[in-house]
Amino acid sequence: MTQTPSPSGDAVWTVVHAGSPADIALGVRRLVEPAVWQGLNGGSAEIETASLAVNMVPAGSHFISGMTDQSPSNIRRLAAAWFSDNFQFYVLLIVSLMGVFAVWLGLAIPRKGVRSDQ
């Protein structure tokens, strides 16, 4: 598998090649295993047929493509991808929101008091 910029420079091409369709299926199954997938950072990956060992070659250069689709669903996907890479911020955001809710609840309940029907 090799990832390279497209000739126009506005996308990335991922090329997977093997000797047979069975080898491609076996290689792709190996590449999408979580332990292997997390180690892929662009560049190339080569799988040995006998042992299924993965050899990775880092990318020579990195680039960030501009965002062309600014629809709400794409921005949601981008935010989800960012939060999955930076989960510490997600945890901090959730804990902060829970704290804000707790403070609001603590202030709102004493003001309303306890109601009874008697």
Protein backbone atom coordinates (compact mmCIF):
# COMPACT_ATOMS: atom_id res chain seq x y z
CA MET A 1 0.00 0.00 0.00
CA THR A 2 1.30 3.41 -0.94
CA GLN A 3 -0.22 6.84 -0.28
CA THR A 4 0.81 9.62 -2.62
CA PRO A 5 -0.58 13.04 -3.57
CA SER A 6 -2.71 13.00 -6.71
CA PRO A 7 -1.26 14.69 -9.81
CA SER A 8 -3.55 17.68 -9.27
CA GLY A 9 -2.37 17.93 -5.65
CA ASP A 10 -5.86 18.25 -4.16
CA ALA A 11 -6.28 14.66 -2.94
CA VAL A 12 -4.40 11.60 -1.76
CA TRP A 13 -4.30 8.38 -3.71
CA THR A 14 -4.02 5.14 -1.79
CA VAL A 15 -2.78 2.36 -4.03
CA VAL A 16 -2.96 -1.26 -2.90
CA HIS A 17 -1.36 -3.89 -5.08
CA ALA A 18 -0.60 -7.60 -4.71
CA GLY A 19 0.01 -10.71 -6.76
CA SER A 20 -3.57 -11.99 -6.54
CA PRO A 21 -7.03 -10.94 -5.29
CA ALA A 22 -6.64 -13.35 -2.36
CA ASP A 23 -3.39 -11.60 -1.37
CA ILE A 24 -5.11 -8.20 -1.53
CA ALA A 25 -7.96 -9.43 0.68
CA LEU A 26 -5.52 -10.93 3.20
CA GLY A 27 -3.33 -7.80 3.17
CA VAL A 28 -6.22 -5.38 3.62
CA ARG A 29 -7.57 -7.45 6.53
CA ARG A 30 -4.11 -7.20 8.12
CA LEU A 31 -3.83 -3.45 7.48
CA VAL A 32 -7.17 -2.61 9.10
CA GLU A 33 -6.34 -4.37 12.36
CA PRO A 34 -6.36 -1.63 15.03
CA ALA A 35 -2.75 -2.21 16.10
CA VAL A 36 -1.51 -1.91 12.52
CA TRP A 37 -3.89 0.84 11.38
CA GLN A 38 -2.83 3.19 14.20
CA GLY A 39 0.79 2.92 13.09
CA LEU A 40 0.09 3.99 9.50
CA ASN A 41 0.99 7.63 8.97
CA GLY A 42 1.06 7.95 5.23
CA GLY A 43 3.97 6.70 3.17
CA SER A 44 4.08 3.00 2.34
CA ALA A 45 3.37 -0.28 4.08
CA GLU A 46 4.49 -3.68 2.90
CA ILE A 47 3.18 -7.01 4.18
CA GLU A 48 5.25 -10.16 4.01
CA THR A 49 3.10 -12.95 2.62
CA ALA A 50 4.40 -15.77 4.82
CA SER A 51 4.40 -14.13 8.26
CA LEU A 52 1.99 -11.20 7.66
CA ALA A 53 4.61 -8.90 9.22
CA VAL A 54 4.05 -5.25 8.31
CA ASN A 55 7.01 -3.08 7.28
CA MET A 56 6.23 0.63 7.21
CA VAL A 57 8.14 3.37 5.43
CA PRO A 58 7.25 6.90 6.61
CA ALA A 59 6.09 9.51 4.15
CA GLY A 60 8.74 11.73 2.62
CA SER A 61 6.58 14.82 3.05
CA HIS A 62 3.29 15.75 4.67
CA PHE A 63 0.65 18.16 3.42
CA ILE A 64 -2.75 19.33 4.55
CA SER A 65 -5.39 19.68 1.92
CA GLY A 66 -7.90 22.51 2.04
CA MET A 67 -11.47 21.80 3.11
CA THR A 68 -13.79 22.03 0.11
CA ASP A 69 -16.96 20.48 1.59
CA GLN A 70 -18.24 22.71 4.40
CA SER A 71 -21.57 20.96 4.89
CA PRO A 72 -22.67 20.27 8.47
CA SER A 73 -22.21 16.52 8.04
CA ASN A 74 -18.60 16.95 6.86
CA ILE A 75 -17.76 19.37 9.66
CA ARG A 76 -19.25 16.84 12.10
CA ARG A 77 -16.97 14.16 10.62
CA LEU A 78 -13.94 16.45 10.89
CA ALA A 79 -14.76 17.26 14.52
CA ALA A 80 -15.20 13.55 15.30
CA ALA A 81 -11.85 12.77 13.68
CA TRP A 82 -10.14 15.59 15.59
CA PHE A 83 -11.66 14.49 18.90
CA SER A 84 -10.65 10.87 18.25
CA ASP A 85 -7.05 11.99 17.75
CA ASN A 86 -7.19 14.37 20.73
CA PHE A 87 -9.49 12.49 23.12
CA GLN A 88 -8.06 14.32 26.15
CA PHE A 89 -9.85 17.49 25.04
CA TYR A 90 -13.07 15.51 24.59
CA VAL A 91 -12.82 14.14 28.14
CA LEU A 92 -12.03 17.62 29.47
CA LEU A 93 -15.00 19.08 27.57
CA ILE A 94 -17.41 16.45 28.93
CA VAL A 95 -16.15 16.84 32.52
CA SER A 96 -16.38 20.65 32.21
CA LEU A 97 -19.94 20.48 30.89
CA MET A 98 -20.91 18.14 33.72
CA GLY A 99 -19.38 20.63 36.19
CA VAL A 100 -21.31 23.53 34.67
CA PHE A 101 -24.52 21.50 34.88
CA ALA A 102 -23.79 20.58 38.51
CA VAL A 103 -23.20 24.24 39.45
CA TRP A 104 -26.39 25.32 37.65
CA LEU A 105 -28.37 22.54 39.33
CA GLY A 106 -26.91 23.47 42.73
CA LEU A 107 -27.99 27.09 42.24
CA ALA A 108 -31.40 26.35 40.74
CA ILE A 109 -32.74 23.83 43.26
CA PRO A 110 -32.30 25.87 46.50
CA ARG A 111 -34.10 28.84 44.90
CA LYS A 112 -37.12 26.75 43.92
CA GLY A 113 -37.40 24.97 47.26
CA VAL A 114 -39.43 21.85 47.99
CA ARG A 115 -43.05 21.78 46.89
CA SER A 116 -45.79 19.77 48.54
CA ASP A 117 -49.48 19.36 47.88
CA GLN A 118 -50.48 19.81 51.56
